[in-house]
């Protein structure tokens, strides 16, 4: 088992990968650096290998697929995940590693948004999207994560080996953040500087399509992790609609003693039934989620025991 493993998912980063590998070798000489090439066509893998990294391959396209492969194959006491585009500084990384190894932090988040991101990033919709994602997750999950979409993070062995990677693409950062919040893992924010990509290096993140995927991931995970809240809100909306349409019918009935709009009354009844079903579905799913959290704690204890045995 490695003491520190640096994980760098790459897709066509030939202009920057050599510098990224060399920078990590400089600040973390004891670390093992892994570059996972994701079908690059510009020789990224050979450049990384010559720079001193261990190069492996993931042929399913997508950052989520790459991270799933990394987390399966590599065992380390501390993992550092970064991008191969040289937009993240390496100087704060030793501090992030120290938080994991000495203070037993499960996930250290490299916080770009509290420093230079909004001035360095030249894509205004990326800035706007990051703010929306951060605000919505912190509101829905009652958390205080400063940067949801950052690609620079450090993880404990326990986090990596208990995190089920389901996302295929760039929504992976959102998924791992919500997982850590929901499972009450120890999370810390470390402020880092951010610099935009060098000239000739292009982002693989599509502002609109990937942004929609991230927002849909938030909704899906909110439903999965907090079903009572999710279905409770739907139930509330349905019952308010039912009451709103029923009140005029009731007023008319008390005035003339007749119900002139039977179809509306029937729809109100079915809507109220749907609201009740949603609420009780949320209660049942919430019980299942609570049981899953108990099982997760047992799994976490087993993973921690395995790490100690490997030392």
Foldseek 3Di string as FASTA:
>chain_A
DAAEEEEEEDAAQQVFQLVVLLQCCVVPVSYAYEYEYAPHDPCNQVSNVVSPHHYHYDPQDAPLSSLVVVLVPDAHQKYKFAYRQPFFHCVCVVVQSCCCPPVVAFKEAAAAPVDCCVPQDPDVLVVVLQVVLQVVCCVLLVDNDRGQQHRTMMGGNLLSVLQDRDDGHSLRSNRSVSVCSLLVGGYHYDYTHTHDGDPPDDDPDDSPPNSVVNVVVVLVVSCQRQVLVNLLVVLVVLLVVLVVLVVVQVVVCVVPVDRPDVVSNVVSVVSNVSSVVSNVVSVVSNVVNVVVSVVSVVVSVVSVVVVVVVD
